[in-house]
Amino acid sequence: MAALLGRMGCVALQLVVRQGGVTQRAPALHFSMSAAALAASGNKNSFPVVFPQQELRKRLTPMQYHVTQERGTERAFTGEFADHKEKGTYTCVVCDTPLFQSDTKFDSGSGWPSFFDLVKEESVTVTDDFSYGMHRLETSCSRCGSHLGHLFDDGPPPTGKRYCINSASLAFHKQGAAGGTKGGRAG
């Protein structure tokens, strides 16, 4: 049945209802997903730039690969850019697309680098994320589809947004450096 639903582009959602100390299964709900939603849900081949997974495993650190390709999360307060203060541009560690300027970075107290605005609106794709029993907005690089982090509506003015981003998904180009210097790259 699951294979049939997968082929049809549908997702089965089964709710478990706890009533009177007895767990009962509610009937499965089925809903269709658009092609765009399916692409955003993890099909890396639908993005403009595609890298072979073997290349990424060689080029990225294990944590960078886990975060960007497996939608993982680094532990809070452990990432390379959590307390980073240099001036420059944060880019996607996989494809080097510019994502955030350092002057939009702020200390949210969350333990992850936080930004209130993007270099370009189209540089990040935002999709619904229902993992861990909650609704969040996942952020991914629009060029290569790599997972970056999540977007919240509790940031500072002028946008009120907080892009909560894993350091492992970022590289850094220092402002004013000839040709730019990079951090966050596997060596």
C-alpha atoms as a PDB file:
ATOM      1  CA  MET A   1       0.000   0.000   0.000  1.00  0.00           C
ATOM      2  CA  ALA A   2       2.798   2.445   0.919  1.00  0.00           C
ATOM      3  CA  ALA A   3       4.574   1.706  -2.365  1.00  0.00           C
ATOM      4  CA  LEU A   4       1.358   2.359  -4.271  1.00  0.00           C
ATOM      5  CA  LEU A   5       0.796   5.652  -2.447  1.00  0.00           C
ATOM      6  CA  GLY A   6       4.413   6.650  -3.066  1.00  0.00           C
ATOM      7  CA  ARG A   7       4.018   5.971  -6.787  1.00  0.00           C
ATOM      8  CA  MET A   8       0.824   8.024  -6.874  1.00  0.00           C
ATOM      9  CA  GLY A   9       2.556  11.036  -5.289  1.00  0.00           C
ATOM     10  CA  CYS A  10       0.369  10.831  -2.203  1.00  0.00           C
ATOM     11  CA  VAL A  11       1.265  10.717   1.419  1.00  0.00           C
ATOM     12  CA  ALA A  12      -0.629   8.712   4.001  1.00  0.00           C
ATOM     13  CA  LEU A  13      -0.959  10.318   7.373  1.00  0.00           C
ATOM     14  CA  GLN A  14      -2.203   8.134  10.147  1.00  0.00           C
ATOM     15  CA  LEU A  15      -3.295   9.799  13.325  1.00  0.00           C
ATOM     16  CA  VAL A  16      -3.186   8.093  16.642  1.00  0.00           C
ATOM     17  CA  VAL A  17      -5.888   9.266  18.992  1.00  0.00           C
ATOM     18  CA  ARG A  18      -5.666   8.559  22.693  1.00  0.00           C
ATOM     19  CA  GLN A  19      -9.115   8.333  24.266  1.00  0.00           C
ATOM     20  CA  GLY A  20      -9.968   6.961  27.671  1.00  0.00           C
ATOM     21  CA  GLY A  21      -6.590   5.287  28.129  1.00  0.00           C
ATOM     22  CA  VAL A  22      -6.979   3.306  24.885  1.00  0.00           C
ATOM     23  CA  THR A  23      -4.985   4.104  21.786  1.00  0.00           C
ATOM     24  CA  GLN A  24      -7.118   4.018  18.658  1.00  0.00           C
ATOM     25  CA  ARG A  25      -5.977   4.541  15.107  1.00  0.00           C
ATOM     26  CA  ALA A  26      -7.937   7.060  13.113  1.00  0.00           C
ATOM     27  CA  PRO A  27      -8.515   6.336   9.420  1.00  0.00           C
ATOM     28  CA  ALA A  28      -5.569   7.278   7.245  1.00  0.00           C
ATOM     29  CA  LEU A  29      -5.823  10.679   5.581  1.00  0.00           C
ATOM     30  CA  HIS A  30      -4.509  11.017   2.046  1.00  0.00           C
ATOM     31  CA  PHE A  31      -3.444  14.222   0.356  1.00  0.00           C
ATOM     32  CA  SER A  32      -1.716  14.957  -2.908  1.00  0.00           C
ATOM     33  CA  MET A  33       1.518  16.903  -3.130  1.00  0.00           C
ATOM     34  CA  SER A  34       2.348  19.174  -6.027  1.00  0.00           C
ATOM     35  CA  ALA A  35       5.481  18.586  -8.058  1.00  0.00           C
ATOM     36  CA  ALA A  36       7.027  21.690  -6.460  1.00  0.00           C
ATOM     37  CA  ALA A  37       6.300  20.376  -2.970  1.00  0.00           C
ATOM     38  CA  LEU A  38       7.781  16.992  -3.856  1.00  0.00           C
ATOM     39  CA  ALA A  39      10.896  18.713  -5.211  1.00  0.00           C
ATOM     40  CA  ALA A  40      11.240  20.847  -2.102  1.00  0.00           C
ATOM     41  CA  SER A  41      10.819  17.800   0.101  1.00  0.00           C
ATOM     42  CA  GLY A  42      14.198  16.421  -0.823  1.00  0.00           C
ATOM     43  CA  ASN A  43      14.572  15.657  -4.525  1.00  0.00           C
ATOM     44  CA  LYS A  44      17.953  17.312  -5.077  1.00  0.00           C
ATOM     45  CA  ASN A  45      17.755  16.675  -8.846  1.00  0.00           C
ATOM     46  CA  SER A  46      15.121  19.413  -9.208  1.00  0.00           C
ATOM     47  CA  PHE A  47      17.545  22.219  -8.269  1.00  0.00           C
ATOM     48  CA  PRO A  48      19.696  24.159 -10.788  1.00  0.00           C
ATOM     49  CA  VAL A  49      22.975  22.747  -9.436  1.00  0.00           C
ATOM     50  CA  VAL A  50      23.359  19.045  -8.626  1.00  0.00           C
ATOM     51  CA  PHE A  51      26.466  17.492  -7.075  1.00  0.00           C
ATOM     52  CA  PRO A  52      27.130  13.740  -6.998  1.00  0.00           C
ATOM     53  CA  GLN A  53      26.745  12.435  -3.442  1.00  0.00           C
ATOM     54  CA  GLN A  54      30.144  10.726  -3.692  1.00  0.00           C
ATOM     55  CA  GLU A  55      31.779  14.103  -4.430  1.00  0.00           C
ATOM     56  CA  LEU A  56      29.978  15.737  -1.491  1.00  0.00           C
ATOM     57  CA  ARG A  57      31.051  12.970   0.897  1.00  0.00           C
ATOM     58  CA  LYS A  58      34.687  13.640  -0.082  1.00  0.00           C
ATOM     59  CA  ARG A  59      34.457  17.449  -0.091  1.00  0.00           C
ATOM     60  CA  LEU A  60      32.374  18.072   3.043  1.00  0.00           C
ATOM     61  CA  THR A  61      33.067  17.157   6.655  1.00  0.00           C
ATOM     62  CA  PRO A  62      30.786  14.448   8.101  1.00  0.00           C
ATOM     63  CA  MET A  63      28.792  17.134   9.986  1.00  0.00           C
ATOM     64  CA  GLN A  64      28.456  19.336   6.881  1.00  0.00           C
ATOM     65  CA  TYR A  65      27.208  16.352   4.897  1.00  0.00           C
ATOM     66  CA  HIS A  66      24.770  15.314   7.651  1.00  0.00           C
ATOM     67  CA  VAL A  67      23.301  18.810   7.974  1.00  0.00           C
ATOM     68  CA  THR A  68      23.114  19.769   4.291  1.00  0.00           C
ATOM     69  CA  GLN A  69      22.237  16.426   2.691  1.00  0.00           C
ATOM     70  CA  GLU A  70      20.390  14.560   5.461  1.00  0.00           C
ATOM     71  CA  ARG A  71      18.557  17.560   6.966  1.00  0.00           C
ATOM     72  CA  GLY A  72      20.476  17.203  10.224  1.00  0.00           C
ATOM     73  CA  THR A  73      21.137  19.741  12.964  1.00  0.00           C
ATOM     74  CA  GLU A  74      24.343  20.513  14.794  1.00  0.00           C
ATOM     75  CA  ARG A  75      24.215  20.866  18.591  1.00  0.00           C
ATOM     76  CA  ALA A  76      23.488  24.393  19.824  1.00  0.00           C
ATOM     77  CA  PHE A  77      26.491  26.569  20.741  1.00  0.00           C
ATOM     78  CA  THR A  78      28.963  24.230  18.969  1.00  0.00           C
ATOM     79  CA  GLY A  79      29.030  25.594  15.415  1.00  0.00           C
ATOM     80  CA  GLU A  80      31.958  27.475  13.903  1.00  0.00           C
ATOM     81  CA  PHE A  81      29.877  30.607  13.201  1.00  0.00           C
ATOM     82  CA  ALA A  82      27.710  30.766  16.355  1.00  0.00           C
ATOM     83  CA  ASP A  83      29.849  33.576  17.845  1.00  0.00           C
ATOM     84  CA  HIS A  84      31.535  34.701  14.624  1.00  0.00           C
ATOM     85  CA  LYS A  85      31.880  38.503  14.360  1.00  0.00           C
ATOM     86  CA  GLU A  86      33.942  39.190  11.203  1.00  0.00           C
ATOM     87  CA  LYS A  87      32.524  41.323   8.378  1.00  0.00           C
ATOM     88  CA  GLY A  88      31.712  39.548   5.139  1.00  0.00           C
ATOM     89  CA  THR A  89      29.268  37.218   3.395  1.00  0.00           C
ATOM     90  CA  TYR A  90      27.980  33.822   4.501  1.00  0.00           C
ATOM     91  CA  THR A  91      27.470  31.424   1.596  1.00  0.00           C
ATOM     92  CA  CYS A  92      26.136  27.900   1.075  1.00  0.00           C
ATOM     93  CA  VAL A  93      28.942  25.463   1.980  1.00  0.00           C
ATOM     94  CA  VAL A  94      27.898  23.181  -0.899  1.00  0.00           C
ATOM     95  CA  CYS A  95      27.517  25.555  -3.884  1.00  0.00           C
ATOM     96  CA  ASP A  96      28.883  28.896  -2.582  1.00  0.00           C
ATOM     97  CA  THR A  97      25.652  30.834  -3.237  1.00  0.00           C
ATOM     98  CA  PRO A  98      25.631  34.100  -1.217  1.00  0.00           C
ATOM     99  CA  LEU A  99      22.987  33.828   1.515  1.00  0.00           C
ATOM    100  CA  PHE A 100      23.552  36.362   4.337  1.00  0.00           C
ATOM    101  CA  GLN A 101      25.623  39.494   4.991  1.00  0.00           C
ATOM    102  CA  SER A 102      27.363  39.758   8.366  1.00  0.00           C
ATOM    103  CA  ASP A 103      25.533  43.027   9.121  1.00  0.00           C
ATOM    104  CA  THR A 104      22.239  41.065   9.268  1.00  0.00           C
ATOM    105  CA  LYS A 105      23.612  38.580  11.843  1.00  0.00           C
ATOM    106  CA  PHE A 106      22.442  38.935  15.447  1.00  0.00           C
ATOM    107  CA  ASP A 107      22.685  37.042  18.736  1.00  0.00           C
ATOM    108  CA  SER A 108      19.339  35.328  19.232  1.00  0.00           C
ATOM    109  CA  GLY A 109      20.525  33.327  22.235  1.00  0.00           C
ATOM    110  CA  SER A 110      19.530  30.128  20.399  1.00  0.00           C
ATOM    111  CA  GLY A 111      23.078  28.803  19.953  1.00  0.00           C
ATOM    112  CA  TRP A 112      22.921  28.887  16.144  1.00  0.00           C
ATOM    113  CA  PRO A 113      23.894  31.718  13.806  1.00  0.00           C
ATOM    114  CA  SER A 114      20.838  33.910  13.308  1.00  0.00           C
ATOM    115  CA  PHE A 115      20.163  36.444  10.565  1.00  0.00           C
ATOM    116  CA  PHE A 116      17.240  38.829  10.008  1.00  0.00           C
ATOM    117  CA  ASP A 117      17.532  39.160   6.229  1.00  0.00           C
ATOM    118  CA  LEU A 118      18.849  37.470   3.069  1.00  0.00           C
ATOM    119  CA  VAL A 119      21.315  38.713   0.448  1.00  0.00           C
ATOM    120  CA  LYS A 120      18.555  38.013  -2.123  1.00  0.00           C
ATOM    121  CA  GLU A 121      15.020  36.794  -1.426  1.00  0.00           C
ATOM    122  CA  GLU A 122      15.396  34.095  -4.102  1.00  0.00           C
ATOM    123  CA  SER A 123      18.593  32.632  -2.584  1.00  0.00           C
ATOM    124  CA  VAL A 124      16.647  30.581  -0.017  1.00  0.00           C
ATOM    125  CA  THR A 125      13.668  28.269  -0.494  1.00  0.00           C
ATOM    126  CA  VAL A 126      11.249  27.997   2.430  1.00  0.00           C
ATOM    127  CA  THR A 127       9.107  24.867   2.858  1.00  0.00           C
ATOM    128  CA  ASP A 128       6.867  23.426   5.569  1.00  0.00           C
ATOM    129  CA  ASP A 129       8.595  21.033   7.964  1.00  0.00           C
ATOM    130  CA  PHE A 130       6.399  18.831  10.162  1.00  0.00           C
ATOM    131  CA  SER A 131       9.207  16.763  11.711  1.00  0.00           C
ATOM    132  CA  TYR A 132       9.375  16.153  15.456  1.00  0.00           C
ATOM    133  CA  GLY A 133       5.622  16.659  15.850  1.00  0.00           C
ATOM    134  CA  MET A 134       5.669  20.407  15.195  1.00  0.00           C
ATOM    135  CA  HIS A 135       5.306  22.824  12.298  1.00  0.00           C
ATOM    136  CA  ARG A 136       8.360  24.858  11.307  1.00  0.00           C
ATOM    137  CA  LEU A 137       9.575  26.527   8.131  1.00  0.00           C
ATOM    138  CA  GLU A 138      12.650  24.804   6.721  1.00  0.00           C
ATOM    139  CA  THR A 139      15.205  26.863   4.797  1.00  0.00           C
ATOM    140  CA  SER A 140      17.193  25.352   1.917  1.00  0.00           C
ATOM    141  CA  CYS A 141      19.599  26.785  -0.619  1.00  0.00           C
ATOM    142  CA  SER A 142      17.590  27.583  -3.750  1.00  0.00           C
ATOM    143  CA  ARG A 143      20.529  26.750  -6.012  1.00  0.00           C
ATOM    144  CA  CYS A 144      21.490  23.258  -4.750  1.00  0.00           C
ATOM    145  CA  GLY A 145      18.735  22.295  -2.282  1.00  0.00           C
ATOM    146  CA  SER A 146      21.034  21.911   0.722  1.00  0.00           C
ATOM    147  CA  HIS A 147      19.345  22.126   4.122  1.00  0.00           C
ATOM    148  CA  LEU A 148      20.317  25.301   5.977  1.00  0.00           C
ATOM    149  CA  GLY A 149      18.072  25.535   9.042  1.00  0.00           C
ATOM    150  CA  HIS A 150      14.697  27.091   9.875  1.00  0.00           C
ATOM    151  CA  LEU A 151      12.883  30.431   9.691  1.00  0.00           C
ATOM    152  CA  PHE A 152      10.982  31.919  12.634  1.00  0.00           C
ATOM    153  CA  ASP A 153       8.912  35.090  13.035  1.00  0.00           C
ATOM    154  CA  ASP A 154      10.595  36.269  16.248  1.00  0.00           C
ATOM    155  CA  GLY A 155      13.520  38.247  14.846  1.00  0.00           C
ATOM    156  CA  PRO A 156      14.412  41.921  15.254  1.00  0.00           C
ATOM    157  CA  PRO A 157      13.257  44.847  13.122  1.00  0.00           C
ATOM    158  CA  PRO A 158      13.128  45.683  10.312  1.00  0.00           C
ATOM    159  CA  THR A 159      12.026  42.214   9.092  1.00  0.00           C
ATOM    160  CA  GLY A 160      10.909  40.455  12.288  1.00  0.00           C
ATOM    161  CA  LYS A 161      12.433  37.277  10.840  1.00  0.00           C
ATOM    162  CA  ARG A 162      15.011  34.938  12.380  1.00  0.00           C
ATOM    163  CA  TYR A 163      16.836  32.675   9.965  1.00  0.00           C
ATOM    164  CA  CYS A 164      18.243  30.104  12.413  1.00  0.00           C
ATOM    165  CA  ILE A 165      21.031  28.477  10.391  1.00  0.00           C
ATOM    166  CA  ASN A 166      23.438  25.607  11.070  1.00  0.00           C
ATOM    167  CA  SER A 167      27.091  26.710  10.931  1.00  0.00           C
ATOM    168  CA  ALA A 168      27.845  23.442   9.121  1.00  0.00           C
ATOM    169  CA  SER A 169      25.761  24.621   6.155  1.00  0.00           C
ATOM    170  CA  LEU A 170      27.720  27.860   5.794  1.00  0.00           C
ATOM    171  CA  ALA A 171      31.026  29.062   4.377  1.00  0.00           C
ATOM    172  CA  PHE A 172      32.320  32.602   4.967  1.00  0.00           C
ATOM    173  CA  HIS A 173      33.957  35.132   2.646  1.00  0.00           C
ATOM    174  CA  LYS A 174      35.770  37.845   4.596  1.00  0.00           C
ATOM    175  CA  GLN A 175      35.030  41.407   3.488  1.00  0.00           C
ATOM    176  CA  GLY A 176      37.856  43.125   1.623  1.00  0.00           C
ATOM    177  CA  ALA A 177      40.030  40.053   1.224  1.00  0.00           C
ATOM    178  CA  ALA A 178      41.491  39.755  -2.277  1.00  0.00           C
ATOM    179  CA  GLY A 179      39.452  36.984  -3.886  1.00  0.00           C
ATOM    180  CA  GLY A 180      37.769  36.380  -0.528  1.00  0.00           C
ATOM    181  CA  THR A 181      38.805  33.963   2.163  1.00  0.00           C
ATOM    182  CA  LYS A 182      36.616  31.068   3.056  1.00  0.00           C
ATOM    183  CA  GLY A 183      35.779  29.413   6.322  1.00  0.00           C
ATOM    184  CA  GLY A 184      33.548  26.422   6.810  1.00  0.00           C
ATOM    185  CA  ARG A 185      35.008  24.349   3.982  1.00  0.00           C
ATOM    186  CA  ALA A 186      36.244  20.817   4.359  1.00  0.00           C
ATOM    187  CA  GLY A 187      39.913  20.749   3.551  1.00  0.00           C
END
